[in-house]
Amino acid sequence: MDALRRNSAKIERSQLYFIRLDEQGEKQYAGDPYCTICSKMALDVRIGEFVLWHEQGICVYDTKEYNARSFRFFPK
């Protein structure tokens, strides 16, 4: 949100990198796309891609794909 306020022109088509940290600050795999709030906000400000660290390696998702996957994450 700070980047949006300060440099919104630089956000369009940018990449957002995501990993998890455990209680000791150690890196953990990101897991599947699940945050619909994040994905909708990223679409609104035109972030280009989400980059997640998975067990099989780094995965890059187009923001539209990440958004669709995040909505499929939760059972109906």
N, C-alpha and C. Protein backbone atom coordinates (compact mmCIF):
# COMPACT_ATOMS: atom_id res chain seq x y z
N MET A 1 0.83 -1.19 0.00
CA MET A 1 0.00 0.00 0.00
C MET A 1 0.88 1.25 0.00
N ASP A 2 2.01 1.18 0.68
CA ASP A 2 2.91 2.32 0.70
C ASP A 2 3.45 2.61 -0.70
N ALA A 3 3.81 1.55 -1.42
CA ALA A 3 4.31 1.74 -2.79
C ALA A 3 3.23 2.35 -3.68
N LEU A 4 2.00 1.97 -3.46
CA LEU A 4 0.90 2.53 -4.24
C LEU A 4 0.78 4.03 -3.99
N ARG A 5 0.91 4.44 -2.74
CA ARG A 5 0.82 5.86 -2.40
C ARG A 5 2.02 6.65 -2.93
N ARG A 6 3.20 6.07 -2.83
CA ARG A 6 4.43 6.81 -3.15
C ARG A 6 4.85 6.73 -4.62
N ASN A 7 4.65 5.58 -5.26
CA ASN A 7 5.15 5.38 -6.63
C ASN A 7 4.18 4.54 -7.45
N SER A 8 2.95 4.93 -7.52
CA SER A 8 1.94 4.10 -8.19
C SER A 8 2.29 3.82 -9.65
N ALA A 9 2.95 4.74 -10.33
CA ALA A 9 3.30 4.52 -11.74
C ALA A 9 4.29 3.37 -11.90
N LYS A 10 5.07 3.06 -10.88
CA LYS A 10 6.07 1.99 -10.97
C LYS A 10 5.49 0.62 -10.64
N ILE A 11 4.27 0.56 -10.17
CA ILE A 11 3.66 -0.72 -9.77
C ILE A 11 3.13 -1.49 -10.97
N GLU A 12 2.61 -0.80 -11.96
CA GLU A 12 2.00 -1.49 -13.09
C GLU A 12 2.99 -2.46 -13.73
N ARG A 13 2.52 -3.70 -13.91
CA ARG A 13 3.28 -4.81 -14.50
C ARG A 13 4.47 -5.25 -13.63
N SER A 14 4.50 -4.88 -12.37
CA SER A 14 5.58 -5.31 -11.48
C SER A 14 5.35 -6.75 -11.03
N GLN A 15 6.33 -7.31 -10.31
CA GLN A 15 6.21 -8.64 -9.74
C GLN A 15 6.13 -8.54 -8.23
N LEU A 16 5.27 -9.35 -7.64
CA LEU A 16 5.14 -9.42 -6.20
C LEU A 16 5.68 -10.78 -5.77
N TYR A 17 6.70 -10.78 -4.91
CA TYR A 17 7.33 -12.01 -4.43
C TYR A 17 6.77 -12.37 -3.06
N PHE A 18 6.47 -13.68 -2.87
CA PHE A 18 5.87 -14.11 -1.61
C PHE A 18 6.48 -15.42 -1.14
N ILE A 19 6.93 -15.45 0.12
CA ILE A 19 7.30 -16.68 0.82
C ILE A 19 6.74 -16.55 2.24
N ARG A 20 6.76 -17.62 2.95
CA ARG A 20 6.33 -17.62 4.36
C ARG A 20 7.57 -17.70 5.25
N LEU A 21 7.43 -17.21 6.45
CA LEU A 21 8.47 -17.36 7.48
C LEU A 21 7.84 -18.04 8.68
N ASP A 22 8.57 -18.98 9.28
CA ASP A 22 8.07 -19.62 10.49
C ASP A 22 8.40 -18.75 11.71
N GLU A 23 8.10 -19.24 12.90
CA GLU A 23 8.30 -18.47 14.13
C GLU A 23 9.76 -18.10 14.36
N GLN A 24 10.70 -18.89 13.81
CA GLN A 24 12.12 -18.61 13.96
C GLN A 24 12.67 -17.75 12.81
N GLY A 25 11.82 -17.34 11.90
CA GLY A 25 12.25 -16.52 10.78
C GLY A 25 12.83 -17.32 9.63
N GLU A 26 12.65 -18.64 9.67
CA GLU A 26 13.13 -19.52 8.60
C GLU A 26 12.13 -19.54 7.45
N LYS A 27 12.66 -19.57 6.22
CA LYS A 27 11.80 -19.58 5.03
C LYS A 27 11.00 -20.87 4.94
N GLN A 28 9.75 -20.73 4.55
CA GLN A 28 8.84 -21.84 4.31
C GLN A 28 8.24 -21.69 2.92
N TYR A 29 7.79 -22.78 2.32
CA TYR A 29 7.15 -22.68 1.02
C TYR A 29 5.88 -21.84 1.11
N ALA A 30 5.57 -21.16 0.03
CA ALA A 30 4.44 -20.24 0.01
C ALA A 30 3.09 -20.94 0.06
N GLY A 31 3.01 -22.13 -0.51
CA GLY A 31 1.72 -22.80 -0.61
C GLY A 31 0.96 -22.31 -1.83
N ASP A 32 -0.21 -22.87 -2.05
CA ASP A 32 -1.02 -22.50 -3.20
C ASP A 32 -1.58 -21.10 -3.06
N PRO A 33 -1.88 -20.44 -4.19
CA PRO A 33 -2.54 -19.14 -4.13
C PRO A 33 -3.87 -19.28 -3.37
N TYR A 34 -4.09 -18.43 -2.39
CA TYR A 34 -5.30 -18.56 -1.58
C TYR A 34 -5.91 -17.22 -1.18
N CYS A 35 -5.15 -16.14 -1.22
CA CYS A 35 -5.64 -14.88 -0.66
C CYS A 35 -6.40 -14.07 -1.72
N THR A 36 -7.71 -14.13 -1.65
CA THR A 36 -8.53 -13.41 -2.62
C THR A 36 -8.45 -11.90 -2.42
N ILE A 37 -8.21 -11.46 -1.22
CA ILE A 37 -8.06 -10.01 -0.97
C ILE A 37 -6.79 -9.51 -1.67
N CYS A 38 -5.69 -10.24 -1.49
CA CYS A 38 -4.43 -9.86 -2.14
C CYS A 38 -4.57 -9.88 -3.66
N SER A 39 -5.20 -10.93 -4.17
CA SER A 39 -5.29 -11.05 -5.63
C SER A 39 -6.17 -9.96 -6.23
N LYS A 40 -7.25 -9.61 -5.57
CA LYS A 40 -8.12 -8.53 -6.08
C LYS A 40 -7.40 -7.18 -6.01
N MET A 41 -6.69 -6.92 -4.92
CA MET A 41 -5.95 -5.66 -4.81
C MET A 41 -4.87 -5.58 -5.88
N ALA A 42 -4.18 -6.70 -6.13
CA ALA A 42 -3.13 -6.73 -7.14
C ALA A 42 -3.70 -6.46 -8.53
N LEU A 43 -4.87 -7.02 -8.81
CA LEU A 43 -5.53 -6.73 -10.09
C LEU A 43 -5.88 -5.25 -10.20
N ASP A 44 -6.40 -4.70 -9.12
CA ASP A 44 -6.83 -3.30 -9.14
C ASP A 44 -5.68 -2.33 -9.42
N VAL A 45 -4.49 -2.63 -8.91
CA VAL A 45 -3.36 -1.72 -9.10
C VAL A 45 -2.46 -2.17 -10.25
N ARG A 46 -2.86 -3.24 -10.94
CA ARG A 46 -2.21 -3.74 -12.15
C ARG A 46 -0.81 -4.33 -11.92
N ILE A 47 -0.65 -5.00 -10.77
CA ILE A 47 0.58 -5.79 -10.59
C ILE A 47 0.55 -6.88 -11.64
N GLY A 48 1.68 -7.14 -12.27
CA GLY A 48 1.72 -8.07 -13.40
C GLY A 48 1.76 -9.54 -13.01
N GLU A 49 2.58 -9.89 -11.99
CA GLU A 49 2.78 -11.30 -11.66
C GLU A 49 3.00 -11.49 -10.16
N PHE A 50 2.60 -12.66 -9.70
CA PHE A 50 2.92 -13.14 -8.36
C PHE A 50 4.01 -14.19 -8.51
N VAL A 51 5.05 -14.12 -7.68
CA VAL A 51 6.12 -15.10 -7.69
C VAL A 51 6.11 -15.79 -6.33
N LEU A 52 5.87 -17.10 -6.35
CA LEU A 52 5.78 -17.87 -5.12
C LEU A 52 6.85 -18.96 -5.10
N TRP A 53 7.38 -19.26 -3.91
CA TRP A 53 8.35 -20.32 -3.73
C TRP A 53 7.61 -21.58 -3.30
N HIS A 54 7.60 -22.58 -4.17
CA HIS A 54 6.95 -23.86 -3.90
C HIS A 54 8.01 -24.94 -3.71
N GLU A 55 7.57 -26.08 -3.23
CA GLU A 55 8.49 -27.20 -3.04
C GLU A 55 9.19 -27.58 -4.34
N GLN A 56 8.49 -27.49 -5.47
CA GLN A 56 9.08 -27.83 -6.76
C GLN A 56 9.89 -26.69 -7.35
N GLY A 57 9.95 -25.55 -6.67
CA GLY A 57 10.74 -24.42 -7.14
C GLY A 57 9.92 -23.13 -7.21
N ILE A 58 10.47 -22.16 -7.89
CA ILE A 58 9.81 -20.87 -8.05
C ILE A 58 8.72 -20.98 -9.11
N CYS A 59 7.54 -20.48 -8.81
CA CYS A 59 6.42 -20.47 -9.76
C CYS A 59 5.97 -19.03 -9.96
N VAL A 60 5.81 -18.65 -11.21
CA VAL A 60 5.36 -17.30 -11.55
C VAL A 60 3.94 -17.41 -12.10
N TYR A 61 3.04 -16.64 -11.51
CA TYR A 61 1.64 -16.62 -11.93
C TYR A 61 1.30 -15.24 -12.46
N ASP A 62 0.68 -15.19 -13.63
CA ASP A 62 0.06 -13.96 -14.08
C ASP A 62 -0.98 -13.59 -13.02
N THR A 63 -1.17 -12.32 -12.76
CA THR A 63 -2.07 -11.90 -11.68
C THR A 63 -3.50 -12.40 -11.91
N LYS A 64 -3.94 -12.44 -13.15
CA LYS A 64 -5.29 -12.96 -13.43
C LYS A 64 -5.37 -14.44 -13.08
N GLU A 65 -4.33 -15.20 -13.40
CA GLU A 65 -4.29 -16.62 -13.06
C GLU A 65 -4.24 -16.80 -11.54
N TYR A 66 -3.41 -16.01 -10.85
CA TYR A 66 -3.32 -16.08 -9.39
C TYR A 66 -4.69 -15.80 -8.77
N ASN A 67 -5.38 -14.79 -9.28
CA ASN A 67 -6.71 -14.44 -8.78
C ASN A 67 -7.68 -15.61 -8.95
N ALA A 68 -7.70 -16.20 -10.13
CA ALA A 68 -8.60 -17.33 -10.39
C ALA A 68 -8.28 -18.50 -9.46
N ARG A 69 -7.00 -18.80 -9.31
CA ARG A 69 -6.60 -19.91 -8.43
C ARG A 69 -6.95 -19.63 -6.97
N SER A 70 -6.80 -18.38 -6.54
CA SER A 70 -7.11 -18.07 -5.14
C SER A 70 -8.60 -18.25 -4.85
N PHE A 71 -9.45 -17.95 -5.82
CA PHE A 71 -10.90 -18.15 -5.61
C PHE A 71 -11.27 -19.63 -5.64
N ARG A 72 -10.49 -20.48 -6.34
CA ARG A 72 -10.74 -21.92 -6.36
C ARG A 72 -10.20 -22.60 -5.12
N PHE A 73 -9.36 -21.94 -4.35
CA PHE A 73 -8.72 -22.54 -3.18
C PHE A 73 -9.75 -22.96 -2.13
N PHE A 74 -10.74 -22.11 -1.88
CA PHE A 74 -11.72 -22.37 -0.83
C PHE A 74 -12.89 -23.18 -1.37
N PRO A 75 -13.23 -24.29 -0.70
CA PRO A 75 -14.40 -25.07 -1.14
C PRO A 75 -15.68 -24.26 -0.94
N LYS A 76 -16.64 -24.53 -1.79
CA LYS A 76 -17.93 -23.80 -1.69
C LYS A 76 -18.90 -24.54 -0.83
